[in-house]
Amino acid sequence: MSVQEFYSSLTNLWDQLALTESDELKAFGPYIARREQQQLVQFLMVLRIDFECLRGSILHRSPLPSVNSIVSELLAEEELD
């Protein structure tokens, strides 16, 4: 499965989970930031072994980048292989 296909599948799951969130939570900045951070870690932890080195370097970045920027980075890396 390609990175893009995998990301699309995860995004669908995250969107379904978001439907269960209250409107108050959706408007609460710290909650949104935490949710995005959790999604990034979830995404990175289930990547193929091919991306292990890149995964480690991403998790050591401060602040953590967005999932979208990481997907772009991984797509570029996938094209090189």
Protein backbone atom coordinates (compact mmCIF):
# COMPACT_ATOMS: atom_id res chain seq x y z
CA MET A 1 0.00 0.00 0.00
CA SER A 2 1.37 3.41 -0.91
CA VAL A 3 1.80 6.22 1.59
CA GLN A 4 -1.04 8.15 -0.06
CA GLU A 5 -3.44 5.19 0.07
CA PHE A 6 -2.55 4.51 3.68
CA TYR A 7 -2.94 8.17 4.66
CA SER A 8 -6.34 8.32 2.94
CA SER A 9 -7.51 5.27 4.90
CA LEU A 10 -6.36 6.76 8.19
CA THR A 11 -7.93 10.12 7.36
CA ASN A 12 -11.27 8.40 6.81
CA LEU A 13 -11.02 6.77 10.25
CA TRP A 14 -10.03 10.05 11.90
CA ASP A 15 -12.94 11.82 10.22
CA GLN A 16 -15.35 9.20 11.54
CA LEU A 17 -13.92 9.59 15.05
CA ALA A 18 -14.26 13.37 14.79
CA LEU A 19 -17.99 12.95 14.30
CA THR A 20 -18.21 11.73 17.90
CA GLU A 21 -16.54 14.86 19.31
CA SER A 22 -18.65 17.55 20.89
CA ASP A 23 -18.76 21.02 19.36
CA GLU A 24 -17.09 22.40 22.48
CA LEU A 25 -14.08 20.12 21.99
CA LYS A 26 -13.83 20.96 18.30
CA ALA A 27 -13.50 24.64 19.23
CA PHE A 28 -10.94 24.12 22.01
CA GLY A 29 -7.45 24.95 20.68
CA PRO A 30 -5.38 22.80 23.06
CA TYR A 31 -7.59 19.78 22.34
CA ILE A 32 -7.19 20.24 18.59
CA ALA A 33 -3.40 20.53 18.93
CA ARG A 34 -3.26 17.37 21.04
CA ARG A 35 -5.49 15.47 18.61
CA GLU A 36 -3.26 16.47 15.67
CA GLN A 37 -0.17 15.38 17.59
CA GLN A 38 -1.78 12.01 18.37
CA GLN A 39 -2.72 11.56 14.73
CA LEU A 40 0.87 12.24 13.67
CA VAL A 41 2.23 9.65 16.10
CA GLN A 42 -0.44 7.11 15.08
CA PHE A 43 0.45 7.62 11.44
CA LEU A 44 4.19 7.31 12.01
CA MET A 45 3.97 4.23 14.22
CA VAL A 46 2.24 2.12 11.59
CA LEU A 47 4.37 3.10 8.61
CA ARG A 48 6.25 0.45 6.69
CA ILE A 49 9.70 -0.51 7.93
CA ASP A 50 11.14 1.27 4.87
CA PHE A 51 10.55 4.58 6.65
CA GLU A 52 12.04 3.64 10.03
CA CYS A 53 14.97 6.09 9.86
CA LEU A 54 12.75 8.93 8.69
CA ARG A 55 10.21 8.10 11.43
CA GLY A 56 12.88 8.46 14.10
CA SER A 57 14.10 11.79 12.79
CA ILE A 58 10.55 13.15 12.59
CA LEU A 59 9.73 12.17 16.17
CA HIS A 60 12.82 14.02 17.40
CA ARG A 61 11.80 17.31 15.77
CA SER A 62 10.63 20.09 17.98
CA PRO A 63 7.97 21.20 17.49
CA LEU A 64 6.45 18.18 15.78
CA PRO A 65 5.43 18.95 12.20
CA SER A 66 1.90 18.55 10.89
CA VAL A 67 0.70 15.26 9.47
CA ASN A 68 0.22 16.91 6.06
CA SER A 69 3.83 18.10 5.89
CA ILE A 70 5.07 14.64 6.88
CA VAL A 71 2.90 12.97 4.25
CA SER A 72 4.43 15.28 1.62
CA GLU A 73 7.90 14.40 2.86
CA LEU A 74 7.13 10.67 2.78
CA LEU A 75 5.63 10.88 -0.69
CA ALA A 76 8.83 12.51 -1.94
CA GLU A 77 10.88 9.79 -0.25
CA GLU A 78 8.65 7.08 -1.71
CA GLU A 79 9.16 8.48 -5.22
CA LEU A 80 12.94 8.24 -4.78
CA ASP A 81 12.73 4.52 -4.02
